[in-house]
C-alpha atoms as a PDB file:
ATOM      1  CA  MET A   1       6.892 -10.592 -15.260  1.00  0.00           C
ATOM      2  CA  ALA A   2       9.480 -11.126 -17.998  1.00  0.00           C
ATOM      3  CA  HIS A   3      11.562  -8.306 -16.532  1.00  0.00           C
ATOM      4  CA  SER A   4      11.441  -9.989 -13.111  1.00  0.00           C
ATOM      5  CA  LEU A   5      12.608 -13.322 -14.565  1.00  0.00           C
ATOM      6  CA  ALA A   6      15.445 -11.588 -16.427  1.00  0.00           C
ATOM      7  CA  ASP A   7      16.464  -9.743 -13.275  1.00  0.00           C
ATOM      8  CA  LEU A   8      16.493 -12.993 -11.318  1.00  0.00           C
ATOM      9  CA  SER A   9      18.672 -14.689 -13.925  1.00  0.00           C
ATOM     10  CA  GLN A  10      21.105 -11.775 -14.082  1.00  0.00           C
ATOM     11  CA  GLN A  11      21.457 -11.881 -10.296  1.00  0.00           C
ATOM     12  CA  LEU A  12      22.423 -15.580 -10.566  1.00  0.00           C
ATOM     13  CA  ILE A  13      19.299 -16.666  -8.687  1.00  0.00           C
ATOM     14  CA  LYS A  14      18.354 -20.226  -9.634  1.00  0.00           C
ATOM     15  CA  LEU A  15      14.827 -20.427 -11.024  1.00  0.00           C
ATOM     16  CA  ASP A  16      14.721 -24.236 -11.165  1.00  0.00           C
ATOM     17  CA  LYS A  17      15.257 -24.790  -7.435  1.00  0.00           C
ATOM     18  CA  ASN A  18      12.656 -26.314  -5.107  1.00  0.00           C
ATOM     19  CA  TRP A  19      10.943 -23.139  -3.851  1.00  0.00           C
ATOM     20  CA  ASN A  20       8.903 -25.094  -1.314  1.00  0.00           C
ATOM     21  CA  LYS A  21      12.130 -25.482   0.653  1.00  0.00           C
ATOM     22  CA  MET A  22      13.025 -21.783   0.531  1.00  0.00           C
ATOM     23  CA  THR A  23      14.146 -20.431   3.889  1.00  0.00           C
ATOM     24  CA  ASN A  24      13.153 -17.042   5.266  1.00  0.00           C
ATOM     25  CA  ALA A  25      16.755 -15.810   4.929  1.00  0.00           C
ATOM     26  CA  GLU A  26      16.918 -16.880   1.262  1.00  0.00           C
ATOM     27  CA  GLY A  27      13.710 -15.005   0.427  1.00  0.00           C
ATOM     28  CA  ARG A  28      14.922 -11.842   2.138  1.00  0.00           C
ATOM     29  CA  ALA A  29      18.245 -12.058   0.294  1.00  0.00           C
ATOM     30  CA  ILE A  30      16.470 -12.306  -3.082  1.00  0.00           C
ATOM     31  CA  ILE A  31      14.457  -9.126  -2.513  1.00  0.00           C
ATOM     32  CA  SER A  32      17.445  -7.203  -1.180  1.00  0.00           C
ATOM     33  CA  LYS A  33      19.632  -8.326  -4.065  1.00  0.00           C
ATOM     34  CA  LEU A  34      17.084  -7.323  -6.715  1.00  0.00           C
ATOM     35  CA  ALA A  35      16.715  -3.911  -5.048  1.00  0.00           C
ATOM     36  CA  GLY A  36      20.458  -3.350  -5.279  1.00  0.00           C
ATOM     37  CA  VAL A  37      20.978  -3.347  -1.524  1.00  0.00           C
ATOM     38  CA  ILE A  38      24.614  -3.751  -0.497  1.00  0.00           C
ATOM     39  CA  PRO A  39      24.972  -6.092   2.525  1.00  0.00           C
ATOM     40  CA  ASP A  40      26.970  -4.728   5.445  1.00  0.00           C
ATOM     41  CA  VAL A  41      29.399  -7.654   5.201  1.00  0.00           C
ATOM     42  CA  GLU A  42      30.332  -6.710   1.620  1.00  0.00           C
ATOM     43  CA  GLY A  43      30.211  -2.938   2.121  1.00  0.00           C
ATOM     44  CA  SER A  44      32.764  -2.961   4.909  1.00  0.00           C
ATOM     45  CA  GLN A  45      35.293  -4.748   2.665  1.00  0.00           C
ATOM     46  CA  TRP A  46      35.521  -2.113  -0.090  1.00  0.00           C
ATOM     47  CA  ALA A  47      38.303   0.422  -0.148  1.00  0.00           C
ATOM     48  CA  GLU A  48      37.358   4.035   0.521  1.00  0.00           C
ATOM     49  CA  GLY A  49      36.942   6.124  -2.622  1.00  0.00           C
ATOM     50  CA  THR A  50      35.750   3.309  -4.927  1.00  0.00           C
ATOM     51  CA  ASP A  51      32.349   3.494  -6.632  1.00  0.00           C
ATOM     52  CA  ALA A  52      31.083   0.514  -4.652  1.00  0.00           C
ATOM     53  CA  ALA A  53      32.171   2.065  -1.364  1.00  0.00           C
ATOM     54  CA  ASP A  54      30.531   5.377  -2.298  1.00  0.00           C
ATOM     55  CA  ARG A  55      27.261   3.599  -3.054  1.00  0.00           C
ATOM     56  CA  TYR A  56      27.441   1.767   0.264  1.00  0.00           C
ATOM     57  CA  LEU A  57      28.086   4.978   2.211  1.00  0.00           C
ATOM     58  CA  LEU A  58      25.183   6.669   0.373  1.00  0.00           C
ATOM     59  CA  GLN A  59      22.945   3.742   1.311  1.00  0.00           C
ATOM     60  CA  ILE A  60      23.855   4.048   5.003  1.00  0.00           C
ATOM     61  CA  SER A  61      23.508   7.833   5.190  1.00  0.00           C
ATOM     62  CA  SER A  62      20.248   7.849   3.201  1.00  0.00           C
ATOM     63  CA  CYS A  63      18.640   5.184   5.378  1.00  0.00           C
ATOM     64  CA  GLU A  64      19.478   7.175   8.511  1.00  0.00           C
ATOM     65  CA  ALA A  65      18.289  10.512   7.095  1.00  0.00           C
ATOM     66  CA  GLU A  66      15.091   9.089   5.551  1.00  0.00           C
ATOM     67  CA  GLY A  67      14.058   6.999   8.546  1.00  0.00           C
ATOM     68  CA  VAL A  68      14.161   3.639   6.759  1.00  0.00           C
ATOM     69  CA  GLU A  69      12.912   0.836   9.014  1.00  0.00           C
ATOM     70  CA  GLU A  70      14.755  -2.416   9.640  1.00  0.00           C
ATOM     71  CA  PRO A  71      13.098  -5.631   8.390  1.00  0.00           C
ATOM     72  CA  SER A  72      10.819  -7.228  10.959  1.00  0.00           C
ATOM     73  CA  PRO A  73      12.500 -10.390  12.324  1.00  0.00           C
ATOM     74  CA  GLY A  74       9.096 -11.925  13.033  1.00  0.00           C
ATOM     75  CA  TYR A  75       7.809 -11.618   9.454  1.00  0.00           C
ATOM     76  CA  VAL A  76       7.717 -15.035   7.764  1.00  0.00           C
ATOM     77  CA  LEU A  77       8.482 -14.637   4.057  1.00  0.00           C
ATOM     78  CA  THR A  78       6.569 -17.449   2.362  1.00  0.00           C
ATOM     79  CA  VAL A  79       6.821 -18.297  -1.342  1.00  0.00           C
ATOM     80  CA  ASP A  80       3.422 -16.672  -1.858  1.00  0.00           C
ATOM     81  CA  ASN A  81       4.582 -13.435  -0.209  1.00  0.00           C
ATOM     82  CA  LEU A  82       7.819 -13.520  -2.187  1.00  0.00           C
ATOM     83  CA  LEU A  83       5.904 -13.775  -5.487  1.00  0.00           C
ATOM     84  CA  LYS A  84       3.701 -10.848  -4.496  1.00  0.00           C
ATOM     85  CA  MET A  85       6.764  -8.755  -3.626  1.00  0.00           C
ATOM     86  CA  LEU A  86       8.410  -9.656  -6.946  1.00  0.00           C
ATOM     87  CA  SER A  87       5.244  -8.680  -8.814  1.00  0.00           C
ATOM     88  CA  ILE A  88       5.084  -5.317  -7.011  1.00  0.00           C
ATOM     89  CA  PHE A  89       8.801  -4.765  -7.561  1.00  0.00           C
ATOM     90  CA  SER A  90       8.540  -5.490 -11.303  1.00  0.00           C
ATOM     91  CA  ARG A  91       5.630  -3.049 -11.704  1.00  0.00           C
ATOM     92  CA  ILE A  92       7.571  -0.338  -9.880  1.00  0.00           C
ATOM     93  CA  ARG A  93      10.568  -0.854 -12.175  1.00  0.00           C
ATOM     94  CA  ALA A  94       8.321  -0.738 -15.258  1.00  0.00           C
ATOM     95  CA  GLY A  95       6.606   2.438 -14.066  1.00  0.00           C
ATOM     96  CA  LEU A  96       3.182   0.763 -13.870  1.00  0.00           C
ATOM     97  CA  PRO A  97       0.502   1.547 -11.250  1.00  0.00           C
ATOM     98  CA  VAL A  98       0.520  -0.702  -8.194  1.00  0.00           C
ATOM     99  CA  ILE A  99      -2.893  -1.324  -6.622  1.00  0.00           C
ATOM    100  CA  ILE A 100      -3.398  -4.098  -4.062  1.00  0.00           C
ATOM    101  CA  MET A 101      -6.835  -5.451  -3.183  1.00  0.00           C
ATOM    102  CA  GLY A 102      -7.550  -7.746  -0.242  1.00  0.00           C
ATOM    103  CA  GLU A 103      -9.658  -8.351   2.826  1.00  0.00           C
ATOM    104  CA  THR A 104      -9.068  -6.355   5.989  1.00  0.00           C
ATOM    105  CA  GLY A 105      -6.261  -7.936   8.011  1.00  0.00           C
ATOM    106  CA  CYS A 106      -4.922 -10.145   5.192  1.00  0.00           C
ATOM    107  CA  GLY A 107      -1.447  -8.575   5.417  1.00  0.00           C
ATOM    108  CA  LYS A 108      -1.347  -5.895   2.690  1.00  0.00           C
ATOM    109  CA  SER A 109       0.238  -3.223   4.874  1.00  0.00           C
ATOM    110  CA  SER A 110       2.727  -5.563   6.564  1.00  0.00           C
ATOM    111  CA  LEU A 111       3.838  -6.922   3.171  1.00  0.00           C
ATOM    112  CA  ILE A 112       4.567  -3.400   1.886  1.00  0.00           C
ATOM    113  CA  ARG A 113       6.413  -2.500   5.105  1.00  0.00           C
ATOM    114  CA  GLN A 114       8.617  -5.586   4.861  1.00  0.00           C
ATOM    115  CA  LEU A 115       9.255  -5.059   1.147  1.00  0.00           C
ATOM    116  CA  CYS A 116      10.419  -1.476   1.730  1.00  0.00           C
ATOM    117  CA  ALA A 117      12.550  -2.509   4.704  1.00  0.00           C
ATOM    118  CA  LEU A 118      14.294  -5.223   2.678  1.00  0.00           C
ATOM    119  CA  ALA A 119      14.798  -2.831  -0.258  1.00  0.00           C
ATOM    120  CA  LYS A 120      16.146  -0.107   2.102  1.00  0.00           C
ATOM    121  CA  LEU A 121      13.509   2.363   0.889  1.00  0.00           C
ATOM    122  CA  PRO A 122      11.635   4.942   3.008  1.00  0.00           C
ATOM    123  CA  LEU A 123       7.908   4.277   3.371  1.00  0.00           C
ATOM    124  CA  HIS A 124       5.339   6.975   4.134  1.00  0.00           C
ATOM    125  CA  THR A 125       1.791   5.727   4.744  1.00  0.00           C
ATOM    126  CA  LEU A 126      -1.503   7.623   4.594  1.00  0.00           C
ATOM    127  CA  ASN A 127      -4.202   5.740   6.516  1.00  0.00           C
ATOM    128  CA  ILE A 128      -7.373   6.783   4.720  1.00  0.00           C
ATOM    129  CA  HIS A 129     -10.836   6.753   6.299  1.00  0.00           C
ATOM    130  CA  GLY A 130     -14.358   7.861   5.435  1.00  0.00           C
ATOM    131  CA  GLY A 131     -13.973  11.254   7.108  1.00  0.00           C
ATOM    132  CA  MET A 132     -11.153  12.469   4.831  1.00  0.00           C
ATOM    133  CA  ASP A 133     -11.661  14.926   1.970  1.00  0.00           C
ATOM    134  CA  ASP A 134      -9.678  15.943  -1.127  1.00  0.00           C
ATOM    135  CA  ARG A 135      -7.917  18.828   0.623  1.00  0.00           C
ATOM    136  CA  GLN A 136      -6.443  16.599   3.335  1.00  0.00           C
ATOM    137  CA  VAL A 137      -5.159  14.123   0.744  1.00  0.00           C
ATOM    138  CA  LEU A 138      -3.688  16.900  -1.423  1.00  0.00           C
ATOM    139  CA  ASP A 139      -1.886  18.513   1.503  1.00  0.00           C
ATOM    140  CA  TRP A 140      -0.385  15.181   2.581  1.00  0.00           C
ATOM    141  CA  VAL A 141       0.813  14.201  -0.908  1.00  0.00           C
ATOM    142  CA  GLN A 142       2.256  17.687  -1.478  1.00  0.00           C
ATOM    143  CA  ALA A 143       4.277  17.219   1.731  1.00  0.00           C
ATOM    144  CA  GLN A 144       5.681  13.966   0.292  1.00  0.00           C
ATOM    145  CA  VAL A 145       6.633  15.758  -2.929  1.00  0.00           C
ATOM    146  CA  GLN A 146       8.623  18.265  -0.870  1.00  0.00           C
ATOM    147  CA  PHE A 147      10.262  15.424   1.083  1.00  0.00           C
ATOM    148  CA  VAL A 148      11.369  13.556  -2.047  1.00  0.00           C
ATOM    149  CA  ARG A 149      12.912  16.717  -3.526  1.00  0.00           C
ATOM    150  CA  GLY A 150      15.334  16.720  -0.602  1.00  0.00           C
ATOM    151  CA  MET A 151      16.442  13.137  -1.290  1.00  0.00           C
ATOM    152  CA  HIS A 152      19.357  11.960  -3.424  1.00  0.00           C
ATOM    153  CA  ALA A 153      18.314  11.594  -7.079  1.00  0.00           C
ATOM    154  CA  SER A 154      19.100   7.856  -7.050  1.00  0.00           C
ATOM    155  CA  ARG A 155      16.815   7.203  -4.064  1.00  0.00           C
ATOM    156  CA  ARG A 156      13.080   6.431  -4.119  1.00  0.00           C
ATOM    157  CA  LEU A 157      10.289   7.274  -1.712  1.00  0.00           C
ATOM    158  CA  ILE A 158       7.417   4.791  -1.426  1.00  0.00           C
ATOM    159  CA  VAL A 159       4.074   6.496  -0.746  1.00  0.00           C
ATOM    160  CA  PHE A 160       1.472   3.987   0.461  1.00  0.00           C
ATOM    161  CA  LEU A 161      -2.192   5.026   0.223  1.00  0.00           C
ATOM    162  CA  ASP A 162      -3.936   2.529   2.483  1.00  0.00           C
ATOM    163  CA  GLU A 163      -7.658   1.756   1.958  1.00  0.00           C
ATOM    164  CA  VAL A 164      -8.133   4.335  -0.807  1.00  0.00           C
ATOM    165  CA  ASN A 165     -11.768   3.440  -1.465  1.00  0.00           C
ATOM    166  CA  THR A 166     -12.999   4.170   2.067  1.00  0.00           C
ATOM    167  CA  CYS A 167     -13.344   7.918   1.359  1.00  0.00           C
ATOM    168  CA  ASN A 168     -15.119   9.639  -1.514  1.00  0.00           C
ATOM    169  CA  SER A 169     -11.993  10.938  -3.296  1.00  0.00           C
ATOM    170  CA  MET A 170     -11.651   8.248  -5.941  1.00  0.00           C
ATOM    171  CA  ALA A 171     -11.071  10.690  -8.828  1.00  0.00           C
ATOM    172  CA  LEU A 172      -8.133  12.215  -6.945  1.00  0.00           C
ATOM    173  CA  PHE A 173      -6.649   8.807  -6.087  1.00  0.00           C
ATOM    174  CA  LYS A 174      -7.008   7.745  -9.709  1.00  0.00           C
ATOM    175  CA  GLU A 175      -5.060  10.838 -10.802  1.00  0.00           C
ATOM    176  CA  ILE A 176      -2.293  10.208  -8.271  1.00  0.00           C
ATOM    177  CA  THR A 177      -2.012   6.445  -8.807  1.00  0.00           C
ATOM    178  CA  CYS A 178      -2.650   5.997 -12.535  1.00  0.00           C
ATOM    179  CA  ASP A 179      -1.905   9.396 -14.096  1.00  0.00           C
ATOM    180  CA  ARG A 180       0.963  10.157 -11.677  1.00  0.00           C
ATOM    181  CA  THR A 181      -0.048  13.814 -11.427  1.00  0.00           C
ATOM    182  CA  LEU A 182      -1.259  16.048  -8.602  1.00  0.00           C
ATOM    183  CA  GLU A 183      -3.717  18.708  -9.747  1.00  0.00           C
ATOM    184  CA  GLY A 184      -2.249  18.321 -13.229  1.00  0.00           C
ATOM    185  CA  VAL A 185       1.393  18.624 -12.125  1.00  0.00           C
ATOM    186  CA  PRO A 186       3.537  15.492 -12.762  1.00  0.00           C
ATOM    187  CA  LEU A 187       4.858  13.748  -9.661  1.00  0.00           C
ATOM    188  CA  PRO A 188       8.656  13.355  -9.273  1.00  0.00           C
ATOM    189  CA  ASN A 189      10.024  10.233 -10.954  1.00  0.00           C
ATOM    190  CA  ASN A 190      11.481   8.910  -7.700  1.00  0.00           C
ATOM    191  CA  LEU A 191       8.156   9.145  -5.847  1.00  0.00           C
ATOM    192  CA  VAL A 192       6.490   5.731  -6.108  1.00  0.00           C
ATOM    193  CA  VAL A 193       2.790   5.436  -5.281  1.00  0.00           C
ATOM    194  CA  ILE A 194       1.265   2.163  -4.031  1.00  0.00           C
ATOM    195  CA  ALA A 195      -2.459   1.979  -3.264  1.00  0.00           C
ATOM    196  CA  ALA A 196      -4.393  -0.627  -1.287  1.00  0.00           C
ATOM    197  CA  CYS A 197      -8.152  -1.108  -1.260  1.00  0.00           C
ATOM    198  CA  ASN A 198     -10.846  -3.373   0.146  1.00  0.00           C
ATOM    199  CA  PRO A 199     -13.082  -5.408  -2.172  1.00  0.00           C
ATOM    200  CA  TYR A 200     -16.407  -3.925  -3.294  1.00  0.00           C
ATOM    201  CA  ARG A 201     -18.669  -6.864  -2.516  1.00  0.00           C
ATOM    202  CA  ILE A 202     -22.368  -7.234  -1.745  1.00  0.00           C
ATOM    203  CA  ARG A 203     -23.190  -8.587   1.699  1.00  0.00           C
ATOM    204  CA  LYS A 204     -24.927 -11.965   1.899  1.00  0.00           C
ATOM    205  CA  HIS A 205     -28.052 -11.556   4.015  1.00  0.00           C
ATOM    206  CA  THR A 206     -28.361 -14.149   6.759  1.00  0.00           C
ATOM    207  CA  LEU A 207     -30.270 -14.027  10.037  1.00  0.00           C
ATOM    208  CA  ASP A 208     -27.049 -13.721  12.021  1.00  0.00           C
ATOM    209  CA  ALA A 209     -25.541 -11.006   9.790  1.00  0.00           C
ATOM    210  CA  ASP A 210     -28.757  -8.954   9.628  1.00  0.00           C
ATOM    211  CA  LYS A 211     -28.803  -8.612  13.428  1.00  0.00           C
ATOM    212  CA  HIS A 212     -25.931  -6.127  13.151  1.00  0.00           C
ATOM    213  CA  LEU A 213     -27.236  -3.989  10.282  1.00  0.00           C
ATOM    214  CA  GLY A 214     -28.661  -1.367  12.629  1.00  0.00           C
ATOM    215  CA  THR A 215     -25.497  -1.135  14.736  1.00  0.00           C
ATOM    216  CA  GLY A 216     -23.541   2.133  14.600  1.00  0.00           C
ATOM    217  CA  LEU A 217     -24.068   5.860  14.420  1.00  0.00           C
ATOM    218  CA  VAL A 218     -24.628   6.204  10.677  1.00  0.00           C
ATOM    219  CA  TYR A 219     -28.174   5.978   9.340  1.00  0.00           C
ATOM    220  CA  GLY A 220     -29.604   4.719  12.644  1.00  0.00           C
ATOM    221  CA  LYS A 221     -32.658   2.550  12.213  1.00  0.00           C
ATOM    222  CA  GLN A 222     -34.573   3.133  15.438  1.00  0.00           C
ATOM    223  CA  ALA A 223     -35.923   6.558  16.332  1.00  0.00           C
ATOM    224  CA  SER A 224     -37.684   5.166  19.402  1.00  0.00           C
ATOM    225  CA  GLY A 225     -37.890   1.688  20.727  1.00  0.00           C
ATOM    226  CA  ASP A 226     -41.442   1.836  21.982  1.00  0.00           C
ATOM    227  CA  GLY A 227     -43.106   3.089  18.817  1.00  0.00           C
ATOM    228  CA  SER A 228     -43.789   6.553  20.294  1.00  0.00           C
ATOM    229  CA  HIS A 229     -43.552   9.877  18.421  1.00  0.00           C
ATOM    230  CA  GLY A 230     -46.291   8.815  16.074  1.00  0.00           C
ATOM    231  CA  GLY A 231     -44.947   5.302  15.665  1.00  0.00           C
ATOM    232  CA  LEU A 232     -42.093   6.443  13.409  1.00  0.00           C
ATOM    233  CA  ASP A 233     -39.384   3.888  14.206  1.00  0.00           C
ATOM    234  CA  ASN A 234     -37.438   4.009  10.911  1.00  0.00           C
ATOM    235  CA  ILE A 235     -35.364   7.153  10.332  1.00  0.00           C
ATOM    236  CA  GLU A 236     -35.001   6.332   6.606  1.00  0.00           C
ATOM    237  CA  GLU A 237     -38.777   6.401   6.185  1.00  0.00           C
ATOM    238  CA  VAL A 238     -39.006   9.767   7.985  1.00  0.00           C
ATOM    239  CA  SER A 239     -36.078  11.570   6.299  1.00  0.00           C
ATOM    240  CA  GLY A 240     -36.031   9.852   2.942  1.00  0.00           C
ATOM    241  CA  ILE A 241     -32.262   9.386   3.349  1.00  0.00           C
ATOM    242  CA  THR A 242     -30.933   5.937   2.481  1.00  0.00           C
ATOM    243  CA  ASP A 243     -27.510   4.411   3.113  1.00  0.00           C
ATOM    244  CA  PRO A 244     -25.934   3.480  -0.265  1.00  0.00           C
ATOM    245  CA  LEU A 245     -23.243   1.355   1.435  1.00  0.00           C
ATOM    246  CA  GLU A 246     -25.359  -0.685   3.844  1.00  0.00           C
ATOM    247  CA  ASP A 247     -25.510  -3.754   1.586  1.00  0.00           C
ATOM    248  CA  LEU A 248     -21.718  -3.972   1.186  1.00  0.00           C
ATOM    249  CA  VAL A 249     -19.334  -6.159   3.192  1.00  0.00           C
ATOM    250  CA  TYR A 250     -17.006  -3.128   3.535  1.00  0.00           C
ATOM    251  CA  ARG A 251     -18.138   0.504   3.517  1.00  0.00           C
ATOM    252  CA  VAL A 252     -16.190   1.358   0.360  1.00  0.00           C
ATOM    253  CA  HIS A 253     -16.744   3.246  -2.876  1.00  0.00           C
ATOM    254  CA  PRO A 254     -16.452   1.571  -6.306  1.00  0.00           C
ATOM    255  CA  LEU A 255     -13.089   1.945  -8.042  1.00  0.00           C
ATOM    256  CA  PRO A 256     -12.909   3.882 -11.329  1.00  0.00           C
ATOM    257  CA  GLU A 257     -12.553   1.653 -14.407  1.00  0.00           C
ATOM    258  CA  SER A 258      -9.008   2.913 -14.988  1.00  0.00           C
ATOM    259  CA  MET A 259      -7.951   1.574 -11.566  1.00  0.00           C
END
C-alpha cells in the first residue's frame, strides 16, 4: 500500500481531501492517471515526433488492435470500489498475485472490467465451471501467451480467471497465479493474471434451505417416489457414492494454502 500512497502523492493527488464527496469523474481520473493513460484532450495538443506524442499514438493504436473496451458510463465508482482498484493496481505493480474472493453477483467481474477499461488495458476472461479440465485451461492460457507476444513490450495483457475454485484444477491455477509458470515455463512479464473465487463456506441447515438439497441432476436423492424397486429411494445408499460438496453454500473446491 505504501507504493500506492507514493504514486498518489507523485501524481499530485490530494490524500487529505474529503473522499466521501468524490465524484465518479474524479475517481475515474485517479485510476487513469496512475495507469499512465494519456487523455485525448492532452494527446491532441502535442507536436508530432515528440516522446509524449509517440506514447499517445501507441496508446491509440494498441487499444484498437488489442480490443480494449471503453469504460462503462453506468458504472458508479464509489470510494470502496476505488480502494479495491488501487489495491489491485498496487499488487500488479509489485508483481504480487491478485486473488479476489466474494459472493456470486457482488461485482468482482464488473470491477475488473472497469479497472482495465480505465487503465486502457486489454482484458481476456476465462469463465471457469465444474466441467472444465486441466487441458482446456492449459490450451486457453497458452493462447493468451501467444497473444501477448504479439503486443508492444510496454503493454500489458490482463488475464482474468473467473471462479477458479469451481473446477478441480486448483494445482494448475496455483501454478499460474502464484508461481507465474505454465507447465514449468515462466509466463511473459507483461501477462498479468487475476483470479476470482467464491468463498468455501459450510451451508447452514434450515427447513427452508434443506427443501432444495435434492434439486438438480448431480447425486439425485430419489430413485423412485413410491418406494418401489425394493424400497431403495436413496441413490447414495445404493451406490455408496456421496457428494463431497453438498454441504457447501457454493459448489467449490478448497483453495491451496499458497493461494
